[in-house]
Amino acid sequence: WQPILTPAWVIGTFTVVGAIFIPIGVVILAASNDIQETIVEYSASTNCPDPTDDNKVWTPRQCTMTFKLDEVMKGPVYVYYQLSNYYQNHRRYVKSRSDRQFRGDFGPVDGNVPEPDSSEWGEKP
């Protein structure tokens, strides 16, 4: 079966498809205009302790950030962070993957802190 593409059939099809998708686009545009966004730069934060002490013993790094919002946000509120010049599918990142870290075990292995590209976190490049 091959449709016969007459001008009336093509115009009618585009009209029906437009009548369906234009209201969907208007609803999505209205929803996206209601989004509130606040950007807080935290790369120069001085409230982050050094993750190692003088004995080179690994300690968890926990940073706190305090900021004020200009307007009230109604819930739910989602928090995201942005990384610059970081590519998750980069070969070195993939090779340095540590399932132990993903499970939340951030402690040292046998008291030693592995280097980011050691065999503990992947092979050296």
PDB file of N, CA and C in Angstrom:
ATOM      1  N   TRP A   1       0.847  -1.180   0.000  1.00  0.00           N
ATOM      2  CA  TRP A   1       0.000   0.000   0.000  1.00  0.00           C
ATOM      3  C   TRP A   1       0.880   1.226   0.000  1.00  0.00           C
ATOM      4  N   GLN A   2       0.596   2.155  -0.865  1.00  0.00           N
ATOM      5  CA  GLN A   2       1.308   3.419  -0.937  1.00  0.00           C
ATOM      6  C   GLN A   2       0.277   4.545  -0.942  1.00  0.00           C
ATOM      7  N   PRO A   3       0.420   5.468   0.009  1.00  0.00           N
ATOM      8  CA  PRO A   3      -0.562   6.567   0.031  1.00  0.00           C
ATOM      9  C   PRO A   3      -0.363   7.498  -1.163  1.00  0.00           C
ATOM     10  N   ILE A   4      -1.429   8.054  -1.598  1.00  0.00           N
ATOM     11  CA  ILE A   4      -1.367   9.037  -2.682  1.00  0.00           C
ATOM     12  C   ILE A   4      -1.290  10.406  -2.022  1.00  0.00           C
ATOM     13  N   LEU A   5      -0.162  11.093  -2.217  1.00  0.00           N
ATOM     14  CA  LEU A   5       0.085  12.353  -1.528  1.00  0.00           C
ATOM     15  C   LEU A   5      -0.481  13.524  -2.333  1.00  0.00           C
ATOM     16  N   THR A   6      -1.769  13.681  -2.238  1.00  0.00           N
ATOM     17  CA  THR A   6      -2.410  14.824  -2.881  1.00  0.00           C
ATOM     18  C   THR A   6      -2.254  16.045  -1.986  1.00  0.00           C
ATOM     19  N   PRO A   7      -2.309  17.228  -2.542  1.00  0.00           N
ATOM     20  CA  PRO A   7      -2.179  18.429  -1.711  1.00  0.00           C
ATOM     21  C   PRO A   7      -3.230  18.493  -0.600  1.00  0.00           C
ATOM     22  N   ALA A   8      -4.426  18.099  -0.863  1.00  0.00           N
ATOM     23  CA  ALA A   8      -5.470  18.135   0.171  1.00  0.00           C
ATOM     24  C   ALA A   8      -5.149  17.172   1.308  1.00  0.00           C
ATOM     25  N   TRP A   9      -4.640  15.992   0.986  1.00  0.00           N
ATOM     26  CA  TRP A   9      -4.305  15.003   2.023  1.00  0.00           C
ATOM     27  C   TRP A   9      -3.137  15.502   2.875  1.00  0.00           C
ATOM     28  N   VAL A  10      -2.103  16.077   2.253  1.00  0.00           N
ATOM     29  CA  VAL A  10      -0.931  16.576   2.983  1.00  0.00           C
ATOM     30  C   VAL A  10      -1.326  17.748   3.872  1.00  0.00           C
ATOM     31  N   ILE A  11      -2.082  18.689   3.344  1.00  0.00           N
ATOM     32  CA  ILE A  11      -2.510  19.847   4.141  1.00  0.00           C
ATOM     33  C   ILE A  11      -3.399  19.406   5.296  1.00  0.00           C
ATOM     34  N   GLY A  12      -4.291  18.476   5.047  1.00  0.00           N
ATOM     35  CA  GLY A  12      -5.164  17.962   6.113  1.00  0.00           C
ATOM     36  C   GLY A  12      -4.375  17.254   7.202  1.00  0.00           C
ATOM     37  N   THR A  13      -3.388  16.457   6.812  1.00  0.00           N
ATOM     38  CA  THR A  13      -2.560  15.740   7.792  1.00  0.00           C
ATOM     39  C   THR A  13      -1.765  16.719   8.651  1.00  0.00           C
ATOM     40  N   PHE A  14      -1.136  17.713   8.012  1.00  0.00           N
ATOM     41  CA  PHE A  14      -0.375  18.701   8.780  1.00  0.00           C
ATOM     42  C   PHE A  14      -1.285  19.515   9.699  1.00  0.00           C
ATOM     43  N   THR A  15      -2.486  19.804   9.281  1.00  0.00           N
ATOM     44  CA  THR A  15      -3.432  20.546  10.118  1.00  0.00           C
ATOM     45  C   THR A  15      -3.817  19.738  11.350  1.00  0.00           C
ATOM     46  N   VAL A  16      -4.105  18.449  11.162  1.00  0.00           N
ATOM     47  CA  VAL A  16      -4.470  17.592  12.297  1.00  0.00           C
ATOM     48  C   VAL A  16      -3.296  17.441  13.266  1.00  0.00           C
ATOM     49  N   VAL A  17      -2.109  17.196  12.727  1.00  0.00           N
ATOM     50  CA  VAL A  17      -0.922  17.043  13.592  1.00  0.00           C
ATOM     51  C   VAL A  17      -0.648  18.350  14.329  1.00  0.00           C
ATOM     52  N   GLY A  18      -0.767  19.492  13.656  1.00  0.00           N
ATOM     53  CA  GLY A  18      -0.577  20.784  14.306  1.00  0.00           C
ATOM     54  C   GLY A  18      -1.611  21.038  15.384  1.00  0.00           C
ATOM     55  N   ALA A  19      -2.868  20.656  15.119  1.00  0.00           N
ATOM     56  CA  ALA A  19      -3.937  20.846  16.107  1.00  0.00           C
ATOM     57  C   ALA A  19      -3.690  20.009  17.352  1.00  0.00           C
ATOM     58  N   ILE A  20      -3.000  18.890  17.196  1.00  0.00           N
ATOM     59  CA  ILE A  20      -2.702  18.031  18.352  1.00  0.00           C
ATOM     60  C   ILE A  20      -1.495  18.565  19.121  1.00  0.00           C
ATOM     61  N   PHE A  21      -0.431  18.942  18.425  1.00  0.00           N
ATOM     62  CA  PHE A  21       0.826  19.270  19.099  1.00  0.00           C
ATOM     63  C   PHE A  21       0.959  20.726  19.525  1.00  0.00           C
ATOM     64  N   ILE A  22       0.269  21.657  18.925  1.00  0.00           N
ATOM     65  CA  ILE A  22       0.362  23.058  19.360  1.00  0.00           C
ATOM     66  C   ILE A  22      -0.165  23.233  20.784  1.00  0.00           C
ATOM     67  N   PRO A  23      -1.314  22.673  21.176  1.00  0.00           N
ATOM     68  CA  PRO A  23      -1.728  22.795  22.583  1.00  0.00           C
ATOM     69  C   PRO A  23      -0.756  22.120  23.559  1.00  0.00           C
ATOM     70  N   ILE A  24      -0.182  20.999  23.141  1.00  0.00           N
ATOM     71  CA  ILE A  24       0.805  20.339  24.008  1.00  0.00           C
ATOM     72  C   ILE A  24       2.013  21.252  24.206  1.00  0.00           C
ATOM     73  N   GLY A  25       2.481  21.895  23.140  1.00  0.00           N
ATOM     74  CA  GLY A  25       3.601  22.825  23.247  1.00  0.00           C
ATOM     75  C   GLY A  25       3.288  24.020  24.118  1.00  0.00           C
ATOM     76  N   VAL A  26       2.057  24.535  24.035  1.00  0.00           N
ATOM     77  CA  VAL A  26       1.658  25.680  24.862  1.00  0.00           C
ATOM     78  C   VAL A  26       1.656  25.295  26.331  1.00  0.00           C
ATOM     79  N   VAL A  27       1.161  24.100  26.655  1.00  0.00           N
ATOM     80  CA  VAL A  27       1.143  23.640  28.050  1.00  0.00           C
ATOM     81  C   VAL A  27       2.569  23.478  28.574  1.00  0.00           C
ATOM     82  N   ILE A  28       3.452  22.897  27.783  1.00  0.00           N
ATOM     83  CA  ILE A  28       4.847  22.710  28.214  1.00  0.00           C
ATOM     84  C   ILE A  28       5.540  24.062  28.389  1.00  0.00           C
ATOM     85  N   LEU A  29       5.303  25.004  27.488  1.00  0.00           N
ATOM     86  CA  LEU A  29       5.896  26.336  27.600  1.00  0.00           C
ATOM     87  C   LEU A  29       5.403  27.058  28.848  1.00  0.00           C
ATOM     88  N   ALA A  30       4.111  26.950  29.146  1.00  0.00           N
ATOM     89  CA  ALA A  30       3.569  27.593  30.346  1.00  0.00           C
ATOM     90  C   ALA A  30       4.173  26.976  31.609  1.00  0.00           C
ATOM     91  N   ALA A  31       4.350  25.656  31.613  1.00  0.00           N
ATOM     92  CA  ALA A  31       4.938  24.990  32.778  1.00  0.00           C
ATOM     93  C   ALA A  31       6.397  25.389  32.958  1.00  0.00           C
ATOM     94  N   SER A  32       7.142  25.525  31.864  1.00  0.00           N
ATOM     95  CA  SER A  32       8.558  25.878  31.986  1.00  0.00           C
ATOM     96  C   SER A  32       8.738  27.337  32.391  1.00  0.00           C
ATOM     97  N   ASN A  33       7.776  28.188  32.102  1.00  0.00           N
ATOM     98  CA  ASN A  33       7.873  29.588  32.518  1.00  0.00           C
ATOM     99  C   ASN A  33       7.644  29.763  34.011  1.00  0.00           C
ATOM    100  N   ASP A  34       7.059  28.774  34.679  1.00  0.00           N
ATOM    101  CA  ASP A  34       6.806  28.848  36.112  1.00  0.00           C
ATOM    102  C   ASP A  34       7.992  28.377  36.946  1.00  0.00           C
ATOM    103  N   ILE A  35       9.057  27.917  36.312  1.00  0.00           N
ATOM    104  CA  ILE A  35      10.214  27.393  37.037  1.00  0.00           C
ATOM    105  C   ILE A  35      11.023  28.544  37.617  1.00  0.00           C
ATOM    106  N   GLN A  36      11.367  28.420  38.901  1.00  0.00           N
ATOM    107  CA  GLN A  36      12.224  29.399  39.569  1.00  0.00           C
ATOM    108  C   GLN A  36      13.614  28.790  39.689  1.00  0.00           C
ATOM    109  N   GLU A  37      14.633  29.575  39.398  1.00  0.00           N
ATOM    110  CA  GLU A  37      15.996  29.074  39.424  1.00  0.00           C
ATOM    111  C   GLU A  37      16.879  30.050  40.182  1.00  0.00           C
ATOM    112  N   THR A  38      17.693  29.515  41.071  1.00  0.00           N
ATOM    113  CA  THR A  38      18.680  30.308  41.794  1.00  0.00           C
ATOM    114  C   THR A  38      20.032  29.644  41.602  1.00  0.00           C
ATOM    115  N   ILE A  39      21.032  30.404  41.202  1.00  0.00           N
ATOM    116  CA  ILE A  39      22.371  29.873  40.987  1.00  0.00           C
ATOM    117  C   ILE A  39      23.286  30.422  42.073  1.00  0.00           C
ATOM    118  N   VAL A  40      23.947  29.510  42.799  1.00  0.00           N
ATOM    119  CA  VAL A  40      24.864  29.883  43.869  1.00  0.00           C
ATOM    120  C   VAL A  40      26.237  29.324  43.513  1.00  0.00           C
ATOM    121  N   GLU A  41      27.214  30.190  43.354  1.00  0.00           N
ATOM    122  CA  GLU A  41      28.581  29.773  43.051  1.00  0.00           C
ATOM    123  C   GLU A  41      29.249  29.362  44.359  1.00  0.00           C
ATOM    124  N   TYR A  42      29.746  28.138  44.421  1.00  0.00           N
ATOM    125  CA  TYR A  42      30.348  27.667  45.671  1.00  0.00           C
ATOM    126  C   TYR A  42      31.765  27.145  45.472  1.00  0.00           C
ATOM    127  N   SER A  43      32.359  27.367  44.311  1.00  0.00           N
ATOM    128  CA  SER A  43      33.703  26.840  44.068  1.00  0.00           C
ATOM    129  C   SER A  43      34.761  27.531  44.924  1.00  0.00           C
ATOM    130  N   ALA A  44      34.511  28.766  45.353  1.00  0.00           N
ATOM    131  CA  ALA A  44      35.487  29.486  46.180  1.00  0.00           C
ATOM    132  C   ALA A  44      35.087  29.484  47.651  1.00  0.00           C
ATOM    133  N   SER A  45      34.284  28.510  48.056  1.00  0.00           N
ATOM    134  CA  SER A  45      33.827  28.448  49.442  1.00  0.00           C
ATOM    135  C   SER A  45      34.993  28.171  50.377  1.00  0.00           C
ATOM    136  N   THR A  46      35.033  28.907  51.480  1.00  0.00           N
ATOM    137  CA  THR A  46      36.087  28.706  52.474  1.00  0.00           C
ATOM    138  C   THR A  46      35.600  27.834  53.620  1.00  0.00           C
ATOM    139  N   ASN A  47      34.403  27.304  53.491  1.00  0.00           N
ATOM    140  CA  ASN A  47      33.813  26.521  54.566  1.00  0.00           C
ATOM    141  C   ASN A  47      33.961  25.024  54.322  1.00  0.00           C
ATOM    142  N   CYS A  48      34.980  24.613  53.581  1.00  0.00           N
ATOM    143  CA  CYS A  48      35.228  23.206  53.293  1.00  0.00           C
ATOM    144  C   CYS A  48      36.566  22.798  53.892  1.00  0.00           C
ATOM    145  N   PRO A  49      36.582  21.855  54.817  1.00  0.00           N
ATOM    146  CA  PRO A  49      37.850  21.438  55.418  1.00  0.00           C
ATOM    147  C   PRO A  49      38.685  20.632  54.430  1.00  0.00           C
ATOM    148  N   ASP A  50      39.986  20.625  54.664  1.00  0.00           N
ATOM    149  CA  ASP A  50      40.885  19.819  53.857  1.00  0.00           C
ATOM    150  C   ASP A  50      40.616  18.350  54.174  1.00  0.00           C
ATOM    151  N   PRO A  51      40.458  17.483  53.159  1.00  0.00           N
ATOM    152  CA  PRO A  51      40.090  16.097  53.435  1.00  0.00           C
ATOM    153  C   PRO A  51      41.201  15.266  54.060  1.00  0.00           C
ATOM    154  N   THR A  52      42.407  15.777  54.142  1.00  0.00           N
ATOM    155  CA  THR A  52      43.489  15.030  54.781  1.00  0.00           C
ATOM    156  C   THR A  52      44.094  15.889  55.875  1.00  0.00           C
ATOM    157  N   ASP A  53      44.609  15.228  56.887  1.00  0.00           N
ATOM    158  CA  ASP A  53      45.296  15.968  57.943  1.00  0.00           C
ATOM    159  C   ASP A  53      46.804  15.778  57.761  1.00  0.00           C
ATOM    160  N   ASP A  54      47.586  16.170  58.767  1.00  0.00           N
ATOM    161  CA  ASP A  54      49.045  16.102  58.650  1.00  0.00           C
ATOM    162  C   ASP A  54      49.557  14.676  58.518  1.00  0.00           C
ATOM    163  N   ASN A  55      48.832  13.690  59.044  1.00  0.00           N
ATOM    164  CA  ASN A  55      49.276  12.297  58.996  1.00  0.00           C
ATOM    165  C   ASN A  55      48.867  11.591  57.713  1.00  0.00           C
ATOM    166  N   LYS A  56      48.281  12.323  56.766  1.00  0.00           N
ATOM    167  CA  LYS A  56      47.808  11.769  55.498  1.00  0.00           C
ATOM    168  C   LYS A  56      46.753  10.679  55.709  1.00  0.00           C
ATOM    169  N   VAL A  57      45.963  10.812  56.766  1.00  0.00           N
ATOM    170  CA  VAL A  57      44.858   9.887  57.020  1.00  0.00           C
ATOM    171  C   VAL A  57      43.617  10.491  56.395  1.00  0.00           C
ATOM    172  N   TRP A  58      42.921   9.684  55.651  1.00  0.00           N
ATOM    173  CA  TRP A  58      41.743  10.166  54.932  1.00  0.00           C
ATOM    174  C   TRP A  58      40.621  10.458  55.909  1.00  0.00           C
ATOM    175  N   THR A  59      40.002  11.626  55.767  1.00  0.00           N
ATOM    176  CA  THR A  59      38.831  11.978  56.560  1.00  0.00           C
ATOM    177  C   THR A  59      37.734  12.423  55.606  1.00  0.00           C
ATOM    178  N   PRO A  60      36.482  12.175  55.951  1.00  0.00           N
ATOM    179  CA  PRO A  60      35.403  12.597  55.049  1.00  0.00           C
ATOM    180  C   PRO A  60      35.376  14.112  54.895  1.00  0.00           C
ATOM    181  N   ARG A  61      35.024  14.563  53.717  1.00  0.00           N
ATOM    182  CA  ARG A  61      34.953  15.996  53.438  1.00  0.00           C
ATOM    183  C   ARG A  61      33.491  16.382  53.359  1.00  0.00           C
ATOM    184  N   GLN A  62      33.096  17.254  54.252  1.00  0.00           N
ATOM    185  CA  GLN A  62      31.717  17.724  54.277  1.00  0.00           C
ATOM    186  C   GLN A  62      31.728  19.245  54.293  1.00  0.00           C
ATOM    187  N   CYS A  63      31.092  19.836  53.277  1.00  0.00           N
ATOM    188  CA  CYS A  63      31.050  21.278  53.167  1.00  0.00           C
ATOM    189  C   CYS A  63      29.634  21.764  53.475  1.00  0.00           C
ATOM    190  N   THR A  64      29.543  22.921  54.080  1.00  0.00           N
ATOM    191  CA  THR A  64      28.237  23.535  54.305  1.00  0.00           C
ATOM    192  C   THR A  64      28.197  24.845  53.555  1.00  0.00           C
ATOM    193  N   MET A  65      27.035  25.156  53.034  1.00  0.00           N
ATOM    194  CA  MET A  65      26.858  26.374  52.244  1.00  0.00           C
ATOM    195  C   MET A  65      25.580  27.042  52.704  1.00  0.00           C
ATOM    196  N   THR A  66      25.660  28.305  53.062  1.00  0.00           N
ATOM    197  CA  THR A  66      24.492  29.068  53.482  1.00  0.00           C
ATOM    198  C   THR A  66      24.217  30.149  52.450  1.00  0.00           C
ATOM    199  N   PHE A  67      22.968  30.243  52.023  1.00  0.00           N
ATOM    200  CA  PHE A  67      22.588  31.273  51.067  1.00  0.00           C
ATOM    201  C   PHE A  67      21.142  31.663  51.311  1.00  0.00           C
ATOM    202  N   LYS A  68      20.770  32.846  50.844  1.00  0.00           N
ATOM    203  CA  LYS A  68      19.411  33.350  51.007  1.00  0.00           C
ATOM    204  C   LYS A  68      18.732  33.415  49.648  1.00  0.00           C
ATOM    205  N   LEU A  69      17.462  33.071  49.631  1.00  0.00           N
ATOM    206  CA  LEU A  69      16.681  33.126  48.402  1.00  0.00           C
ATOM    207  C   LEU A  69      15.973  34.469  48.306  1.00  0.00           C
ATOM    208  N   ASP A  70      15.867  35.001  47.091  1.00  0.00           N
ATOM    209  CA  ASP A  70      15.213  36.280  46.877  1.00  0.00           C
ATOM    210  C   ASP A  70      13.691  36.159  46.935  1.00  0.00           C
ATOM    211  N   GLU A  71      13.158  35.006  46.583  1.00  0.00           N
ATOM    212  CA  GLU A  71      11.709  34.815  46.580  1.00  0.00           C
ATOM    213  C   GLU A  71      11.368  33.487  47.231  1.00  0.00           C
ATOM    214  N   VAL A  72      10.134  33.379  47.664  1.00  0.00           N
ATOM    215  CA  VAL A  72       9.666  32.143  48.284  1.00  0.00           C
ATOM    216  C   VAL A  72       9.420  31.117  47.182  1.00  0.00           C
ATOM    217  N   MET A  73       9.891  29.898  47.397  1.00  0.00           N
ATOM    218  CA  MET A  73       9.687  28.829  46.425  1.00  0.00           C
ATOM    219  C   MET A  73       8.680  27.838  46.990  1.00  0.00           C
ATOM    220  N   LYS A  74       7.675  27.524  46.180  1.00  0.00           N
ATOM    221  CA  LYS A  74       6.718  26.523  46.623  1.00  0.00           C
ATOM    222  C   LYS A  74       7.241  25.148  46.233  1.00  0.00           C
ATOM    223  N   GLY A  75       6.948  24.162  47.051  1.00  0.00           N
ATOM    224  CA  GLY A  75       7.472  22.819  46.846  1.00  0.00           C
ATOM    225  C   GLY A  75       6.809  22.087  45.715  1.00  0.00           C
ATOM    226  N   PRO A  76       7.410  21.035  45.276  1.00  0.00           N
ATOM    227  CA  PRO A  76       8.700  20.498  45.718  1.00  0.00           C
ATOM    228  C   PRO A  76       9.868  21.313  45.152  1.00  0.00           C
ATOM    229  N   VAL A  77      10.947  21.405  45.935  1.00  0.00           N
ATOM    230  CA  VAL A  77      12.142  22.135  45.523  1.00  0.00           C
ATOM    231  C   VAL A  77      13.229  21.108  45.216  1.00  0.00           C
ATOM    232  N   TYR A  78      13.829  21.214  44.049  1.00  0.00           N
ATOM    233  CA  TYR A  78      14.888  20.309  43.635  1.00  0.00           C
ATOM    234  C   TYR A  78      16.213  21.057  43.630  1.00  0.00           C
ATOM    235  N   VAL A  79      17.268  20.393  44.096  1.00  0.00           N
ATOM    236  CA  VAL A  79      18.595  20.991  44.145  1.00  0.00           C
ATOM    237  C   VAL A  79      19.497  20.210  43.197  1.00  0.00           C
ATOM    238  N   TYR A  80      20.168  20.933  42.319  1.00  0.00           N
ATOM    239  CA  TYR A  80      21.095  20.340  41.367  1.00  0.00           C
ATOM    240  C   TYR A  80      22.441  21.035  41.495  1.00  0.00           C
ATOM    241  N   TYR A  81      23.483  20.387  41.030  1.00  0.00           N
ATOM    242  CA  TYR A  81      24.777  21.048  40.977  1.00  0.00           C
ATOM    243  C   TYR A  81      25.357  20.874  39.577  1.00  0.00           C
ATOM    244  N   GLN A  82      26.235  21.775  39.225  1.00  0.00           N
ATOM    245  CA  GLN A  82      26.799  21.803  37.885  1.00  0.00           C
ATOM    246  C   GLN A  82      28.307  21.649  37.961  1.00  0.00           C
ATOM    247  N   LEU A  83      28.839  20.815  37.105  1.00  0.00           N
ATOM    248  CA  LEU A  83      30.279  20.640  36.986  1.00  0.00           C
ATOM    249  C   LEU A  83      30.724  21.175  35.633  1.00  0.00           C
ATOM    250  N   SER A  84      31.816  21.918  35.630  1.00  0.00           N
ATOM    251  CA  SER A  84      32.334  22.463  34.376  1.00  0.00           C
ATOM    252  C   SER A  84      33.523  21.642  33.909  1.00  0.00           C
ATOM    253  N   ASN A  85      33.650  21.476  32.615  1.00  0.00           N
ATOM    254  CA  ASN A  85      34.761  20.730  32.009  1.00  0.00           C
ATOM    255  C   ASN A  85      34.897  19.334  32.590  1.00  0.00           C
ATOM    256  N   TYR A  86      33.786  18.668  32.793  1.00  0.00           N
ATOM    257  CA  TYR A  86      33.770  17.310  33.338  1.00  0.00           C
ATOM    258  C   TYR A  86      32.891  16.468  32.443  1.00  0.00           C
ATOM    259  N   TYR A  87      33.440  15.377  31.948  1.00  0.00           N
ATOM    260  CA  TYR A  87      32.704  14.529  31.035  1.00  0.00           C
ATOM    261  C   TYR A  87      32.609  13.136  31.637  1.00  0.00           C
ATOM    262  N   GLN A  88      31.398  12.738  32.018  1.00  0.00           N
ATOM    263  CA  GLN A  88      31.198  11.492  32.738  1.00  0.00           C
ATOM    264  C   GLN A  88      31.577  10.276  31.903  1.00  0.00           C
ATOM    265  N   ASN A  89      31.458  10.351  30.605  1.00  0.00           N
ATOM    266  CA  ASN A  89      31.794   9.194  29.790  1.00  0.00           C
ATOM    267  C   ASN A  89      33.248   9.229  29.314  1.00  0.00           C
ATOM    268  N   HIS A  90      34.031  10.092  29.884  1.00  0.00           N
ATOM    269  CA  HIS A  90      35.441  10.177  29.532  1.00  0.00           C
ATOM    270  C   HIS A  90      36.142   8.879  29.933  1.00  0.00           C
ATOM    271  N   ARG A  91      37.083   8.428  29.119  1.00  0.00           N
ATOM    272  CA  ARG A  91      37.752   7.142  29.348  1.00  0.00           C
ATOM    273  C   ARG A  91      38.425   7.065  30.710  1.00  0.00           C
ATOM    274  N   ARG A  92      39.076   8.144  31.131  1.00  0.00           N
ATOM    275  CA  ARG A  92      39.766   8.113  32.419  1.00  0.00           C
ATOM    276  C   ARG A  92      38.762   8.018  33.568  1.00  0.00           C
ATOM    277  N   TYR A  93      37.633   8.693  33.442  1.00  0.00           N
ATOM    278  CA  TYR A  93      36.596   8.591  34.466  1.00  0.00           C
ATOM    279  C   TYR A  93      36.083   7.156  34.547  1.00  0.00           C
ATOM    280  N   VAL A  94      35.809   6.560  33.409  1.00  0.00           N
ATOM    281  CA  VAL A  94      35.262   5.202  33.394  1.00  0.00           C
ATOM    282  C   VAL A  94      36.251   4.224  34.002  1.00  0.00           C
ATOM    283  N   LYS A  95      37.536   4.396  33.701  1.00  0.00           N
ATOM    284  CA  LYS A  95      38.538   3.488  34.250  1.00  0.00           C
ATOM    285  C   LYS A  95      38.749   3.698  35.750  1.00  0.00           C
ATOM    286  N   SER A  96      38.432   4.886  36.262  1.00  0.00           N
ATOM    287  CA  SER A  96      38.660   5.171  37.675  1.00  0.00           C
ATOM    288  C   SER A  96      37.427   4.907  38.530  1.00  0.00           C
ATOM    289  N   ARG A  97      36.409   4.296  37.973  1.00  0.00           N
ATOM    290  CA  ARG A  97      35.168   4.017  38.700  1.00  0.00           C
ATOM    291  C   ARG A  97      35.433   3.099  39.883  1.00  0.00           C
ATOM    292  N   SER A  98      34.798   3.388  40.999  1.00  0.00           N
ATOM    293  CA  SER A  98      34.915   2.569  42.198  1.00  0.00           C
ATOM    294  C   SER A  98      33.514   2.237  42.703  1.00  0.00           C
ATOM    295  N   ASP A  99      33.126   0.988  42.578  1.00  0.00           N
ATOM    296  CA  ASP A  99      31.809   0.574  43.077  1.00  0.00           C
ATOM    297  C   ASP A  99      31.716   0.738  44.584  1.00  0.00           C
ATOM    298  N   ARG A 100      32.847   0.591  45.255  1.00  0.00           N
ATOM    299  CA  ARG A 100      32.872   0.781  46.705  1.00  0.00           C
ATOM    300  C   ARG A 100      32.460   2.200  47.075  1.00  0.00           C
ATOM    301  N   GLN A 101      32.933   3.181  46.309  1.00  0.00           N
ATOM    302  CA  GLN A 101      32.559   4.562  46.574  1.00  0.00           C
ATOM    303  C   GLN A 101      31.078   4.795  46.294  1.00  0.00           C
ATOM    304  N   PHE A 102      30.554   4.207  45.228  1.00  0.00           N
ATOM    305  CA  PHE A 102      29.133   4.373  44.913  1.00  0.00           C
ATOM    306  C   PHE A 102      28.248   3.800  46.017  1.00  0.00           C
ATOM    307  N   ARG A 103      28.730   2.779  46.715  1.00  0.00           N
ATOM    308  CA  ARG A 103      27.966   2.212  47.831  1.00  0.00           C
ATOM    309  C   ARG A 103      28.090   3.061  49.095  1.00  0.00           C
ATOM    310  N   GLY A 104      28.940   4.085  49.087  1.00  0.00           N
ATOM    311  CA  GLY A 104      29.071   4.984  50.228  1.00  0.00           C
ATOM    312  C   GLY A 104      30.242   4.676  51.122  1.00  0.00           C
ATOM    313  N   ASP A 105      31.093   3.720  50.763  1.00  0.00           N
ATOM    314  CA  ASP A 105      32.266   3.377  51.565  1.00  0.00           C
ATOM    315  C   ASP A 105      33.434   4.240  51.095  1.00  0.00           C
ATOM    316  N   PHE A 106      33.660   5.365  51.790  1.00  0.00           N
ATOM    317  CA  PHE A 106      34.687   6.301  51.378  1.00  0.00           C
ATOM    318  C   PHE A 106      35.977   6.144  52.164  1.00  0.00           C
ATOM    319  N   GLY A 107      36.036   5.203  53.069  1.00  0.00           N
ATOM    320  CA  GLY A 107      37.207   5.045  53.920  1.00  0.00           C
ATOM    321  C   GLY A 107      38.402   4.491  53.178  1.00  0.00           C
ATOM    322  N   PRO A 108      39.575   4.595  53.780  1.00  0.00           N
ATOM    323  CA  PRO A 108      40.791   4.080  53.143  1.00  0.00           C
ATOM    324  C   PRO A 108      40.811   2.556  53.147  1.00  0.00           C
ATOM    325  N   VAL A 109      41.572   1.998  52.246  1.00  0.00           N
ATOM    326  CA  VAL A 109      41.769   0.558  52.187  1.00  0.00           C
ATOM    327  C   VAL A 109      43.050   0.244  52.936  1.00  0.00           C
ATOM    328  N   ASP A 110      42.961  -0.505  54.014  1.00  0.00           N
ATOM    329  CA  ASP A 110      44.111  -0.875  54.843  1.00  0.00           C
ATOM    330  C   ASP A 110      44.877   0.345  55.341  1.00  0.00           C
ATOM    331  N   GLY A 111      44.194   1.439  55.635  1.00  0.00           N
ATOM    332  CA  GLY A 111      44.831   2.627  56.173  1.00  0.00           C
ATOM    333  C   GLY A 111      45.526   3.486  55.128  1.00  0.00           C
ATOM    334  N   ASN A 112      45.540   3.056  53.874  1.00  0.00           N
ATOM    335  CA  ASN A 112      46.198   3.823  52.810  1.00  0.00           C
ATOM    336  C   ASN A 112      45.146   4.539  51.978  1.00  0.00           C
ATOM    337  N   VAL A 113      45.485   5.721  51.560  1.00  0.00           N
ATOM    338  CA  VAL A 113      44.601   6.480  50.683  1.00  0.00           C
ATOM    339  C   VAL A 113      45.040   6.229  49.252  1.00  0.00           C
ATOM    340  N   PRO A 114      44.221   5.564  48.434  1.00  0.00           N
ATOM    341  CA  PRO A 114      44.645   5.323  47.057  1.00  0.00           C
ATOM    342  C   PRO A 114      44.614   6.603  46.237  1.00  0.00           C
ATOM    343  N   GLU A 115      45.521   6.721  45.321  1.00  0.00           N
ATOM    344  CA  GLU A 115      45.507   7.847  44.396  1.00  0.00           C
ATOM    345  C   GLU A 115      44.324   7.666  43.449  1.00  0.00           C
ATOM    346  N   PRO A 116      43.789   8.756  42.900  1.00  0.00           N
ATOM    347  CA  PRO A 116      42.616   8.636  42.029  1.00  0.00           C
ATOM    348  C   PRO A 116      42.797   7.708  40.839  1.00  0.00           C
ATOM    349  N   ASP A 117      44.023   7.536  40.344  1.00  0.00           N
ATOM    350  CA  ASP A 117      44.207   6.640  39.208  1.00  0.00           C
ATOM    351  C   ASP A 117      45.001   5.396  39.578  1.00  0.00           C
ATOM    352  N   SER A 118      44.940   4.996  40.871  1.00  0.00           N
ATOM    353  CA  SER A 118      45.632   3.781  41.284  1.00  0.00           C
ATOM    354  C   SER A 118      44.780   2.567  40.933  1.00  0.00           C
ATOM    355  N   SER A 119      45.330   1.394  41.144  1.00  0.00           N
ATOM    356  CA  SER A 119      44.612   0.169  40.785  1.00  0.00           C
ATOM    357  C   SER A 119      43.349  -0.010  41.649  1.00  0.00           C
ATOM    358  N   GLU A 120      43.285   0.628  42.798  1.00  0.00           N
ATOM    359  CA  GLU A 120      42.079   0.546  43.630  1.00  0.00           C
ATOM    360  C   GLU A 120      40.894   1.179  42.927  1.00  0.00           C
ATOM    361  N   TRP A 121      41.118   2.262  42.200  1.00  0.00           N
ATOM    362  CA  TRP A 121      40.021   2.980  41.535  1.00  0.00           C
ATOM    363  C   TRP A 121      40.082   2.806  40.025  1.00  0.00           C
ATOM    364  N   GLY A 122      40.938   1.981  39.544  1.00  0.00           N
ATOM    365  CA  GLY A 122      41.077   1.754  38.100  1.00  0.00           C
ATOM    366  C   GLY A 122      42.542   1.705  37.737  1.00  0.00           C
ATOM    367  N   GLU A 123      42.836   1.269  36.539  1.00  0.00           N
ATOM    368  CA  GLU A 123      44.218   1.159  36.099  1.00  0.00           C
ATOM    369  C   GLU A 123      44.780   2.523  35.771  1.00  0.00           C
ATOM    370  N   LYS A 124      46.102   2.635  35.920  1.00  0.00           N
ATOM    371  CA  LYS A 124      46.742   3.896  35.547  1.00  0.00           C
ATOM    372  C   LYS A 124      46.700   4.053  34.037  1.00  0.00           C
ATOM    373  N   PRO A 125      46.467   5.267  33.568  1.00  0.00           N
ATOM    374  CA  PRO A 125      46.391   5.479  32.109  1.00  0.00           C
ATOM    375  C   PRO A 125      47.739   5.293  31.439  1.00  0.00           C
TER     376      PRO A 125
END
